[in-house]
Amino acid sequence: MGKPTGFLEIERHDRGYAPVAERLKHWKEFVEPLPQAELQQQASRCMSCGIPFCHQGCPVNNQIPDFNDLVYRDQWRDALDNLQSTNNFPEFTGRICPAPCEASCTLNIPDTPVTIKSIECQIIDRGWEEGWVTPQPSERGTGKRVAVVGSGPAGLACAQQLARAGHATTVFEKSDRPGGLLRYGIPDFKMEKHLIDRRIRQMEAEGVIFRCNFEVGVDVSVQRLLDDYDVLVMANGAEDPRDLNAHGRDLDGIHYAMEFLTQQNKRNAGDQEDVAAPAGTLSAKGKHVVVIGGGDTGSDCIGTSNRQGAASVVQLEIMPQPPEHENKALTWPDWPLKMRTSSSQQEGVERDFAVATRRALGQDGRVTALDCARLEWVAGDDGRMQMREVEGSAFELKADLVLLAMGFVGPRKSGLIEQSAVELDARGNVKANVQDYRTSDARIFACGDARRGQSLVVWAIREGRQCARAIDAHLMGVSKLPR
């Protein structure tokens, strides 16, 4: 423990944002890192708890008190080595992870947790700046070949670990660039894409082969991959979006969030507009936008709409408004349900809670408004709480563009999953346990959102790493890879 009284002497101070008026003019990241000396002070606030509850909150098992202490002592290279021993991509999690570690921090009891996420991000950013992050190729090959389907965080983490173990690893990606939803689901203002490109170059130097514009189950059969590779990994994510079950859903102007977000990311990458795309060319400019869904994807739609010049943005959430503050005695160190406001929501949006969309109204085939009603929770006949429409609460909401950001129901079934014929669980995800990540087919493994359903990038990295270790043990009889 570097400074035993640090948490008593130093107030929490986290990274800031560029002013709203300034950041809405561009698509770049706008988080303003702390000066190095101040960050070291923040690291000194870590209490080195006898039981570090932050470990419970971190799915990738980051050794948080250790790297906090190393940063405080100005031992940045050692801090980087420690961080990379558990997390393949700290520059991703340091930007887009919601930081459950901070929720579990002992100092979160008085609402002043250590700025773990900021410290993590600046460790890895400095590592890249100093040239400390280099390829780690295996000294020799094993002669085993592995096909990884999907290049999101689970697929990338799994592929990198397998390559470092000496296996010939190929990643198959249906899009034109690797990265999965990191590339085409996360807006550039939250994470710029050169960060992904940099990691891809590192992985290629480690021996990973990337095959883009190559959809398994369409461009090549699952059986062909099983003929050519020793193992196949399903890291294809949970891309089947939850739809709006309401009259008028088929009106023009109602789109899934990912259709909208992907188009803007492609524009930022310099791609030509695909006028033949099924959704057409989407833009919020001058439109009254309604985002249905209160999660991170909905927030990304808000930030994107405001940058495109929306006339107004409204966000609807079917659940009631959460409390401003959680009851720490009941929730800590678990992730609390409480009111949160994202940087995109700070940029301008009207938020409304406990609202159901009953139907979409339109004119000449295009959406013009939503017919909504307010909800309340009541006890049903079986004693369970259920939602009920409040009588007389119906209202209309002007809408030129409606974005459905209600989450995902699991992996898409056509193509890869249907051809593999692997067993699915009760929720429609690929069935595999967290010990060996093996599906009902002994040569097919699954990890990330394809296995667990829609989740966080940090959980995807964890599962990719653990799946790689299970595959290495399966191929070689024993594995030295960490879980």
Protein backbone atom coordinates (compact mmCIF):
# COMPACT_ATOMS: atom_id res chain seq x y z
CA MET A 1 0.00 0.00 0.00
CA GLY A 2 1.71 3.13 -1.24
CA LYS A 3 0.00 5.81 0.87
CA PRO A 4 -1.97 4.45 3.83
CA THR A 5 -3.72 7.78 4.41
CA GLY A 6 -4.30 8.63 0.74
CA PHE A 7 -8.05 8.02 0.82
CA LEU A 8 -8.32 10.32 3.82
CA GLU A 9 -6.26 13.16 2.40
CA ILE A 10 -7.22 13.24 -1.30
CA GLU A 11 -10.68 13.79 -2.75
CA ARG A 12 -11.89 11.74 -5.68
CA HIS A 13 -11.35 13.54 -8.99
CA ASP A 14 -12.01 11.80 -12.28
CA ARG A 15 -11.45 12.59 -15.95
CA GLY A 16 -13.55 15.36 -17.40
CA TYR A 17 -15.27 16.00 -20.74
CA ALA A 18 -14.83 18.70 -23.33
CA PRO A 19 -17.73 21.21 -23.28
CA VAL A 20 -20.93 20.00 -24.95
CA ALA A 21 -21.00 22.78 -27.55
CA GLU A 22 -17.47 21.88 -28.60
CA ARG A 23 -17.73 18.10 -28.71
CA LEU A 24 -21.00 18.06 -30.67
CA LYS A 25 -19.09 19.49 -33.64
CA HIS A 26 -17.03 16.35 -34.24
CA TRP A 27 -16.90 12.57 -33.90
CA LYS A 28 -13.66 12.30 -31.94
CA GLU A 29 -13.27 11.16 -28.34
CA PHE A 30 -13.76 14.03 -25.90
CA VAL A 31 -12.63 12.61 -22.54
CA GLU A 32 -9.86 14.74 -21.03
CA PRO A 33 -7.26 12.61 -19.19
CA LEU A 34 -5.90 13.71 -15.84
CA PRO A 35 -2.32 15.00 -15.64
CA GLN A 36 0.07 12.23 -14.64
CA ALA A 37 0.82 13.64 -11.18
CA GLU A 38 -2.87 13.98 -10.38
CA LEU A 39 -3.59 10.47 -11.60
CA GLN A 40 -0.87 9.14 -9.30
CA GLN A 41 -2.58 10.96 -6.43
CA GLN A 42 -5.86 9.29 -7.36
CA ALA A 43 -4.11 5.90 -7.41
CA SER A 44 -2.83 6.56 -3.89
CA ARG A 45 -6.45 6.62 -2.66
CA CYS A 46 -6.63 2.82 -3.05
CA MET A 47 -7.00 1.32 0.45
CA SER A 48 -5.44 -2.07 -0.44
CA CYS A 49 -8.39 -3.66 1.36
CA GLY A 50 -7.82 -6.94 3.13
CA ILE A 51 -10.65 -8.23 0.95
CA PRO A 52 -10.44 -6.26 -2.32
CA PHE A 53 -14.08 -6.21 -3.37
CA CYS A 54 -13.08 -4.56 -6.64
CA HIS A 55 -11.88 -8.03 -7.65
CA GLN A 56 -15.45 -9.25 -7.31
CA GLY A 57 -16.65 -6.49 -9.58
CA CYS A 58 -14.06 -7.06 -12.34
CA PRO A 59 -14.91 -9.97 -14.67
CA VAL A 60 -11.36 -10.18 -16.11
CA ASN A 61 -9.82 -10.43 -12.63
CA ASN A 62 -7.69 -7.31 -12.92
CA GLN A 63 -5.31 -7.01 -9.96
CA ILE A 64 -6.57 -3.53 -9.22
CA PRO A 65 -4.85 -2.68 -5.91
CA ASP A 66 -1.55 -3.87 -7.41
CA PHE A 67 -1.58 -1.62 -10.46
CA ASN A 68 -2.93 1.28 -8.40
CA ASP A 69 0.08 0.98 -6.11
CA LEU A 70 2.50 0.70 -9.05
CA VAL A 71 1.08 3.85 -10.66
CA TYR A 72 1.36 5.73 -7.37
CA ARG A 73 5.01 4.67 -7.13
CA ASP A 74 5.64 5.81 -10.73
CA GLN A 75 6.34 2.24 -11.88
CA TRP A 76 4.30 2.50 -15.06
CA ARG A 77 5.99 -0.29 -16.99
CA ASP A 78 5.33 -2.75 -14.17
CA ALA A 79 1.74 -1.49 -13.94
CA LEU A 80 1.32 -2.19 -17.65
CA ASP A 81 2.71 -5.72 -17.32
CA ASN A 82 0.34 -6.37 -14.44
CA LEU A 83 -2.66 -5.02 -16.36
CA GLN A 84 -1.89 -6.96 -19.53
CA SER A 85 -1.55 -10.20 -17.57
CA THR A 86 -5.33 -10.24 -17.08
CA ASN A 87 -6.81 -8.02 -19.81
CA ASN A 88 -5.98 -8.27 -23.51
CA PHE A 89 -7.55 -4.92 -24.41
CA PRO A 90 -7.48 -2.38 -21.55
CA GLU A 91 -7.83 0.47 -24.05
CA PHE A 92 -11.31 -0.87 -24.89
CA THR A 93 -12.48 -1.47 -21.33
CA GLY A 94 -10.87 1.78 -20.15
CA ARG A 95 -13.22 3.62 -22.49
CA ILE A 96 -16.50 1.72 -22.70
CA CYS A 97 -16.72 -0.54 -19.64
CA PRO A 98 -19.26 0.76 -17.07
CA ALA A 99 -16.67 -0.02 -14.35
CA PRO A 100 -18.40 -2.50 -12.03
CA CYS A 101 -15.06 -2.53 -10.19
CA GLU A 102 -15.72 1.02 -9.03
CA ALA A 103 -19.20 0.07 -7.84
CA SER A 104 -17.55 -2.66 -5.74
CA CYS A 105 -14.81 -0.40 -4.36
CA THR A 106 -14.91 -0.04 -0.57
CA LEU A 107 -14.69 3.72 -1.06
CA ASN A 108 -17.97 3.56 -3.00
CA ILE A 109 -19.77 3.12 0.31
CA PRO A 110 -19.47 6.92 0.77
CA ASP A 111 -19.78 7.43 -3.05
CA THR A 112 -16.08 8.21 -3.58
CA PRO A 113 -14.62 5.12 -5.30
CA VAL A 114 -11.09 5.03 -6.64
CA THR A 115 -10.97 6.16 -10.28
CA ILE A 116 -10.02 2.64 -11.40
CA LYS A 117 -11.27 2.95 -14.97
CA SER A 118 -9.30 6.15 -15.63
CA ILE A 119 -6.14 4.68 -14.13
CA GLU A 120 -6.48 1.55 -16.25
CA CYS A 121 -7.00 3.60 -19.42
CA GLN A 122 -4.00 5.83 -18.83
CA ILE A 123 -1.74 2.86 -18.04
CA ILE A 124 -2.43 1.27 -21.43
CA ASP A 125 -2.44 4.57 -23.34
CA ARG A 126 0.98 5.39 -21.92
CA GLY A 127 2.14 1.86 -22.73
CA TRP A 128 1.33 2.40 -26.40
CA GLU A 129 2.88 5.88 -26.40
CA GLU A 130 6.13 4.57 -24.91
CA GLY A 131 6.31 1.59 -27.28
CA TRP A 132 5.98 -0.90 -24.44
CA VAL A 133 3.08 -2.78 -26.06
CA THR A 134 4.62 -5.15 -28.59
CA PRO A 135 3.62 -8.40 -30.32
CA GLN A 136 4.09 -11.56 -28.27
CA PRO A 137 4.38 -14.34 -30.87
CA SER A 138 4.77 -17.94 -29.79
CA GLU A 139 8.30 -19.34 -30.08
CA ARG A 140 7.01 -22.43 -31.85
CA GLY A 141 3.83 -23.73 -33.40
CA THR A 142 1.76 -26.64 -32.18
CA GLY A 143 0.55 -27.77 -35.59
CA LYS A 144 -3.07 -27.29 -34.46
CA ARG A 145 -5.49 -25.06 -36.38
CA VAL A 146 -8.36 -23.10 -34.84
CA ALA A 147 -11.14 -21.18 -36.61
CA VAL A 148 -12.71 -18.33 -34.62
CA VAL A 149 -16.03 -17.04 -35.96
CA GLY A 150 -16.53 -13.41 -35.03
CA SER A 151 -14.07 -10.61 -34.31
CA GLY A 152 -15.74 -8.85 -31.42
CA PRO A 153 -13.97 -8.66 -28.06
CA ALA A 154 -14.62 -12.34 -27.24
CA GLY A 155 -13.31 -13.56 -30.59
CA LEU A 156 -10.30 -11.24 -30.51
CA ALA A 157 -9.33 -12.20 -26.96
CA CYS A 158 -9.74 -15.90 -27.72
CA ALA A 159 -7.74 -15.66 -30.96
CA GLN A 160 -4.90 -13.68 -29.37
CA GLN A 161 -4.51 -16.14 -26.51
CA LEU A 162 -4.59 -19.13 -28.86
CA ALA A 163 -1.97 -17.59 -31.15
CA ARG A 164 0.28 -16.89 -28.18
CA ALA A 165 -0.06 -20.56 -27.24
CA GLY A 166 1.27 -21.51 -30.68
CA HIS A 167 -1.91 -22.52 -32.47
CA ALA A 168 -2.54 -21.42 -36.07
CA THR A 169 -5.59 -19.20 -35.59
CA THR A 170 -7.86 -17.71 -38.25
CA VAL A 171 -10.63 -15.24 -37.46
CA PHE A 172 -13.63 -15.16 -39.81
CA GLU A 173 -15.59 -11.89 -39.85
CA LYS A 174 -18.68 -11.24 -41.97
CA SER A 175 -18.12 -7.45 -42.04
CA ASP A 176 -15.53 -5.63 -44.11
CA ARG A 177 -13.36 -4.83 -41.07
CA PRO A 178 -12.67 -6.70 -37.82
CA GLY A 179 -13.98 -5.54 -34.47
CA GLY A 180 -17.62 -6.62 -34.34
CA LEU A 181 -19.78 -4.21 -32.36
CA LEU A 182 -16.62 -2.49 -31.14
CA ARG A 183 -16.25 -1.24 -34.71
CA TYR A 184 -19.81 -0.82 -35.92
CA GLY A 185 -21.87 -0.56 -32.72
CA ILE A 186 -19.79 1.78 -30.55
CA PRO A 187 -19.74 5.39 -31.85
CA ASP A 188 -16.36 6.91 -32.61
CA PHE A 189 -16.86 9.61 -29.99
CA LYS A 190 -16.79 6.87 -27.35
CA MET A 191 -13.96 4.84 -28.87
CA GLU A 192 -12.02 5.79 -31.98
CA LYS A 193 -11.40 2.93 -34.38
CA HIS A 194 -7.65 3.37 -34.77
CA LEU A 195 -7.47 1.65 -31.37
CA ILE A 196 -8.91 -1.51 -32.93
CA ASP A 197 -6.69 -1.25 -36.00
CA ARG A 198 -3.62 -1.02 -33.79
CA ARG A 199 -4.56 -4.21 -31.95
CA ILE A 200 -5.31 -6.03 -35.21
CA ARG A 201 -1.79 -5.20 -36.44
CA GLN A 202 -0.35 -6.55 -33.20
CA MET A 203 -2.36 -9.77 -33.53
CA GLU A 204 -1.34 -10.24 -37.16
CA ALA A 205 2.29 -9.93 -36.06
CA GLU A 206 1.54 -12.67 -33.53
CA GLY A 207 0.28 -14.92 -36.30
CA VAL A 208 -3.49 -14.41 -36.31
CA ILE A 209 -5.04 -14.43 -39.78
CA PHE A 210 -8.15 -12.31 -40.41
CA ARG A 211 -10.63 -13.21 -43.14
CA CYS A 212 -13.15 -10.36 -43.53
CA ASN A 213 -16.23 -10.24 -45.78
CA PHE A 214 -16.46 -13.94 -45.01
CA GLU A 215 -19.66 -15.17 -43.35
CA VAL A 216 -19.54 -18.67 -41.96
CA GLY A 217 -22.73 -20.47 -42.85
CA VAL A 218 -23.08 -18.43 -46.05
CA ASP A 219 -19.71 -18.06 -47.81
CA VAL A 220 -18.33 -21.25 -46.30
CA SER A 221 -20.10 -24.09 -44.53
CA VAL A 222 -19.54 -25.08 -40.93
CA GLN A 223 -18.63 -28.57 -42.09
CA ARG A 224 -15.90 -27.20 -44.37
CA LEU A 225 -14.31 -25.40 -41.44
CA LEU A 226 -14.50 -28.54 -39.31
CA ASP A 227 -12.79 -30.42 -42.15
CA ASP A 228 -9.99 -27.84 -42.32
CA TYR A 229 -9.56 -26.93 -38.63
CA ASP A 230 -9.15 -28.90 -35.43
CA VAL A 231 -11.55 -26.66 -33.50
CA LEU A 232 -14.22 -24.08 -34.31
CA VAL A 233 -15.05 -21.24 -31.88
CA MET A 234 -18.43 -19.54 -31.94
CA ALA A 235 -17.79 -15.92 -30.90
CA ASN A 236 -20.44 -14.52 -33.20
CA GLY A 237 -22.18 -12.37 -30.60
CA ALA A 238 -25.85 -11.80 -29.83
CA GLU A 239 -26.97 -9.75 -32.81
CA ASP A 240 -30.68 -10.62 -33.00
CA PRO A 241 -32.37 -7.36 -31.94
CA ARG A 242 -35.52 -7.22 -29.86
CA ASP A 243 -38.30 -5.87 -32.06
CA LEU A 244 -41.20 -3.53 -31.34
CA ASN A 245 -44.42 -5.52 -31.25
CA ALA A 246 -46.80 -2.74 -32.16
CA HIS A 247 -49.15 -1.83 -34.96
CA GLY A 248 -47.41 0.37 -37.54
CA ARG A 249 -43.97 -1.16 -36.98
CA ASP A 250 -43.57 -1.53 -40.75
CA LEU A 251 -43.75 2.23 -41.41
CA ASP A 252 -40.70 3.87 -42.97
CA GLY A 253 -38.60 5.70 -40.42
CA ILE A 254 -38.60 2.95 -37.77
CA HIS A 255 -35.23 1.23 -37.61
CA TYR A 256 -33.07 -0.90 -35.38
CA ALA A 257 -30.42 1.08 -33.54
CA MET A 258 -27.57 -0.90 -35.10
CA GLU A 259 -28.69 0.02 -38.62
CA PHE A 260 -28.42 3.67 -37.63
CA LEU A 261 -25.16 3.45 -35.67
CA THR A 262 -23.36 1.29 -38.22
CA GLN A 263 -24.07 3.72 -41.05
CA GLN A 264 -22.53 6.62 -39.15
CA ASN A 265 -19.42 4.62 -38.22
CA LYS A 266 -18.98 3.70 -41.88
CA ARG A 267 -19.28 7.37 -42.86
CA ASN A 268 -16.61 8.23 -40.31
CA ALA A 269 -14.39 5.53 -41.81
CA GLY A 270 -14.70 7.24 -45.20
CA ASP A 271 -16.92 4.61 -46.81
CA GLN A 272 -19.30 5.45 -49.63
CA GLU A 273 -22.98 5.53 -48.72
CA ASP A 274 -24.70 2.24 -49.57
CA VAL A 275 -27.88 3.58 -51.15
CA ALA A 276 -29.03 0.00 -51.74
CA ALA A 277 -28.87 -0.88 -48.03
CA PRO A 278 -32.15 -2.42 -46.75
CA ALA A 279 -32.65 0.46 -44.31
CA GLY A 280 -31.78 3.13 -46.85
CA THR A 281 -29.66 6.14 -45.89
CA LEU A 282 -30.42 7.10 -42.30
CA SER A 283 -29.88 10.54 -40.81
CA ALA A 284 -31.37 12.38 -37.84
CA LYS A 285 -30.69 15.83 -39.31
CA GLY A 286 -33.68 18.12 -38.77
CA LYS A 287 -35.82 15.26 -37.47
CA HIS A 288 -37.71 14.61 -34.28
CA VAL A 289 -36.04 11.45 -33.03
CA VAL A 290 -37.50 8.98 -30.54
CA VAL A 291 -35.17 6.39 -29.07
CA ILE A 292 -36.96 3.42 -27.52
CA GLY A 293 -34.71 1.82 -24.92
CA GLY A 294 -32.84 3.29 -21.98
CA GLY A 295 -29.54 1.39 -22.09
CA ASP A 296 -26.11 2.06 -23.55
CA THR A 297 -27.24 1.51 -27.14
CA GLY A 298 -30.02 4.03 -26.70
CA SER A 299 -27.50 6.48 -25.27
CA ASP A 300 -25.28 5.97 -28.32
CA CYS A 301 -28.25 6.77 -30.56
CA ILE A 302 -28.77 10.03 -28.64
CA GLY A 303 -25.17 11.17 -29.05
CA THR A 304 -25.19 10.25 -32.73
CA SER A 305 -28.52 11.98 -33.38
CA ASN A 306 -27.38 15.20 -31.73
CA ARG A 307 -24.17 15.24 -33.77
CA GLN A 308 -26.18 14.75 -36.95
CA GLY A 309 -28.33 17.78 -36.09
CA ALA A 310 -31.60 16.32 -34.81
CA ALA A 311 -34.40 18.80 -34.17
CA SER A 312 -35.23 17.02 -30.91
CA VAL A 313 -34.44 13.73 -29.18
CA VAL A 314 -36.71 11.85 -26.78
CA GLN A 315 -35.72 8.62 -25.04
CA LEU A 316 -38.40 6.23 -23.80
CA GLU A 317 -37.81 3.56 -21.16
CA ILE A 318 -40.41 0.94 -20.31
CA MET A 319 -39.12 0.53 -16.74
CA PRO A 320 -39.83 3.03 -13.95
CA GLN A 321 -37.30 5.75 -13.21
CA PRO A 322 -34.69 4.34 -10.84
CA PRO A 323 -33.79 6.07 -7.56
CA GLU A 324 -31.16 8.81 -7.52
CA HIS A 325 -29.11 6.87 -4.95
CA GLU A 326 -28.97 3.19 -4.13
CA ASN A 327 -29.33 1.71 -0.66
CA LYS A 328 -25.70 0.79 -0.03
CA ALA A 329 -26.58 -1.53 2.84
CA LEU A 330 -28.65 -3.64 0.45
CA THR A 331 -26.63 -3.49 -2.77
CA TRP A 332 -22.91 -2.91 -2.16
CA PRO A 333 -20.63 -4.42 -3.45
CA ASP A 334 -23.01 -5.56 -6.21
CA TRP A 335 -23.92 -3.43 -9.23
CA PRO A 336 -26.62 -1.01 -8.05
CA LEU A 337 -29.83 0.04 -9.75
CA LYS A 338 -29.79 3.82 -9.68
CA MET A 339 -30.36 6.82 -11.93
CA ARG A 340 -27.44 7.30 -14.32
CA THR A 341 -26.89 10.02 -16.89
CA SER A 342 -24.47 9.30 -19.72
CA SER A 343 -22.33 11.87 -21.51
CA SER A 344 -24.66 11.59 -24.52
CA GLN A 345 -27.72 12.24 -22.37
CA GLN A 346 -25.97 15.31 -20.97
CA GLU A 347 -25.73 16.61 -24.55
CA GLY A 348 -29.48 16.98 -24.90
CA VAL A 349 -32.42 14.59 -24.58
CA GLU A 350 -35.82 14.41 -22.96
CA ARG A 351 -36.03 11.19 -20.94
CA ASP A 352 -39.34 9.58 -20.07
CA PHE A 353 -39.80 6.46 -17.93
CA ALA A 354 -42.49 3.81 -17.52
CA VAL A 355 -43.80 4.40 -21.02
CA ALA A 356 -45.18 1.79 -23.44
CA THR A 357 -45.37 2.33 -27.20
CA ARG A 358 -48.82 1.11 -28.25
CA ARG A 359 -48.64 1.83 -31.97
CA ALA A 360 -46.87 3.90 -34.60
CA LEU A 361 -48.86 6.49 -36.54
CA GLY A 362 -47.97 7.51 -40.07
CA GLN A 363 -48.82 9.33 -43.24
CA ASP A 364 -47.97 8.23 -46.79
CA GLY A 365 -46.18 5.18 -45.41
CA ARG A 366 -43.86 7.12 -43.08
CA VAL A 367 -43.96 7.39 -39.31
CA THR A 368 -45.15 10.74 -37.98
CA ALA A 369 -45.91 9.99 -34.32
CA LEU A 370 -46.04 7.32 -31.62
CA ASP A 371 -49.14 6.50 -29.61
CA CYS A 372 -47.85 5.91 -26.07
CA ALA A 373 -49.22 5.25 -22.59
CA ARG A 374 -47.87 5.35 -19.08
CA LEU A 375 -47.31 2.19 -17.04
CA GLU A 376 -47.51 1.20 -13.41
CA TRP A 377 -46.42 -1.92 -11.56
CA VAL A 378 -49.13 -3.92 -9.84
CA ALA A 379 -49.33 -7.34 -8.20
CA GLY A 380 -50.86 -10.01 -10.40
CA ASP A 381 -53.07 -12.91 -9.37
CA ASP A 382 -49.95 -15.00 -8.69
CA GLY A 383 -48.43 -12.27 -6.52
CA ARG A 384 -45.82 -11.30 -9.06
CA MET A 385 -45.38 -7.67 -10.03
CA GLN A 386 -46.44 -6.89 -13.58
CA MET A 387 -46.84 -3.81 -15.75
CA ARG A 388 -50.27 -2.34 -16.38
CA GLU A 389 -51.30 0.63 -18.48
CA VAL A 390 -52.50 3.60 -16.48
CA GLU A 391 -56.07 4.37 -17.51
CA GLY A 392 -56.41 7.66 -19.35
CA SER A 393 -52.65 8.18 -19.68
CA ALA A 394 -52.38 7.83 -23.46
CA PHE A 395 -50.44 10.52 -25.33
CA GLU A 396 -48.90 11.10 -28.75
CA LEU A 397 -45.26 11.85 -29.39
CA LYS A 398 -44.08 13.48 -32.62
CA ALA A 399 -41.57 11.25 -34.38
CA ASP A 400 -39.86 11.42 -37.78
CA LEU A 401 -37.23 8.81 -36.89
CA VAL A 402 -37.75 6.00 -34.37
CA LEU A 403 -34.71 4.00 -33.24
CA LEU A 404 -35.27 0.65 -31.54
CA ALA A 405 -32.60 0.16 -28.86
CA MET A 406 -34.34 -2.43 -26.73
CA GLY A 407 -31.48 -4.88 -26.52
CA PHE A 408 -30.84 -8.24 -28.16
CA VAL A 409 -32.56 -11.58 -27.72
CA GLY A 410 -29.56 -13.75 -28.59
CA PRO A 411 -27.42 -14.85 -31.52
CA ARG A 412 -28.87 -15.02 -35.01
CA LYS A 413 -29.92 -18.58 -35.75
CA SER A 414 -29.63 -18.68 -39.55
CA GLY A 415 -26.38 -19.80 -41.12
CA LEU A 416 -23.73 -20.64 -38.53
CA ILE A 417 -25.90 -21.90 -35.67
CA GLU A 418 -28.38 -23.77 -37.84
CA GLN A 419 -25.61 -25.52 -39.78
CA SER A 420 -23.68 -26.41 -36.65
CA ALA A 421 -26.81 -27.97 -35.08
CA VAL A 422 -25.40 -27.28 -31.60
CA GLU A 423 -27.75 -27.37 -28.65
CA LEU A 424 -29.21 -24.06 -27.41
CA ASP A 425 -30.18 -23.11 -23.88
CA ALA A 426 -33.62 -21.98 -22.73
CA ARG A 427 -32.90 -18.39 -23.79
CA GLY A 428 -31.79 -19.33 -27.29
CA ASN A 429 -28.06 -18.88 -26.68
CA VAL A 430 -25.46 -21.49 -27.59
CA LYS A 431 -25.31 -23.96 -24.71
CA ALA A 432 -21.86 -24.35 -23.15
CA ASN A 433 -20.61 -24.22 -19.57
CA VAL A 434 -17.91 -21.95 -18.16
CA GLN A 435 -15.52 -24.77 -17.32
CA ASP A 436 -14.65 -25.99 -20.82
CA TYR A 437 -16.87 -23.75 -23.04
CA ARG A 438 -17.61 -26.80 -25.20
CA THR A 439 -20.92 -27.07 -27.02
CA SER A 440 -22.87 -30.25 -27.71
CA ASP A 441 -20.40 -30.82 -30.57
CA ALA A 442 -17.05 -31.85 -29.08
CA ARG A 443 -15.08 -29.80 -31.63
CA ILE A 444 -17.12 -26.60 -31.36
CA PHE A 445 -16.66 -24.14 -28.51
CA ALA A 446 -18.64 -20.97 -27.71
CA CYS A 447 -17.85 -17.82 -25.76
CA GLY A 448 -18.98 -14.24 -25.25
CA ASP A 449 -22.46 -13.00 -26.08
CA ALA A 450 -23.18 -16.01 -28.30
CA ARG A 451 -23.00 -18.14 -25.15
CA ARG A 452 -24.15 -15.80 -22.36
CA GLY A 453 -26.44 -13.42 -24.25
CA GLN A 454 -26.13 -9.65 -24.53
CA SER A 455 -23.51 -8.48 -22.04
CA LEU A 456 -20.52 -6.21 -21.44
CA VAL A 457 -17.25 -6.03 -23.36
CA VAL A 458 -15.38 -6.96 -20.18
CA TRP A 459 -17.36 -10.20 -19.87
CA ALA A 460 -16.65 -10.98 -23.53
CA ILE A 461 -12.89 -10.59 -22.97
CA ARG A 462 -13.07 -12.82 -19.89
CA GLU A 463 -14.94 -15.55 -21.75
CA GLY A 464 -12.63 -15.33 -24.77
CA ARG A 465 -9.60 -15.82 -22.53
CA GLN A 466 -11.14 -18.69 -20.61
CA CYS A 467 -12.38 -20.35 -23.78
CA ALA A 468 -8.86 -20.15 -25.26
CA ARG A 469 -7.44 -21.90 -22.22
CA ALA A 470 -10.08 -24.64 -22.49
CA ILE A 471 -9.28 -25.14 -26.18
CA ASP A 472 -5.54 -25.22 -25.51
CA ALA A 473 -6.06 -27.92 -22.87
CA HIS A 474 -8.35 -29.82 -25.24
CA LEU A 475 -5.76 -29.76 -28.04
CA MET A 476 -2.62 -30.28 -25.97
CA GLY A 477 -3.80 -32.11 -22.86
CA VAL A 478 -2.59 -29.28 -20.61
CA SER A 479 -2.53 -25.49 -20.83
CA LYS A 480 -0.28 -22.79 -19.44
CA LEU A 481 -2.66 -20.03 -20.49
CA PRO A 482 -4.30 -18.09 -17.62
CA ARG A 483 -8.04 -18.18 -17.08
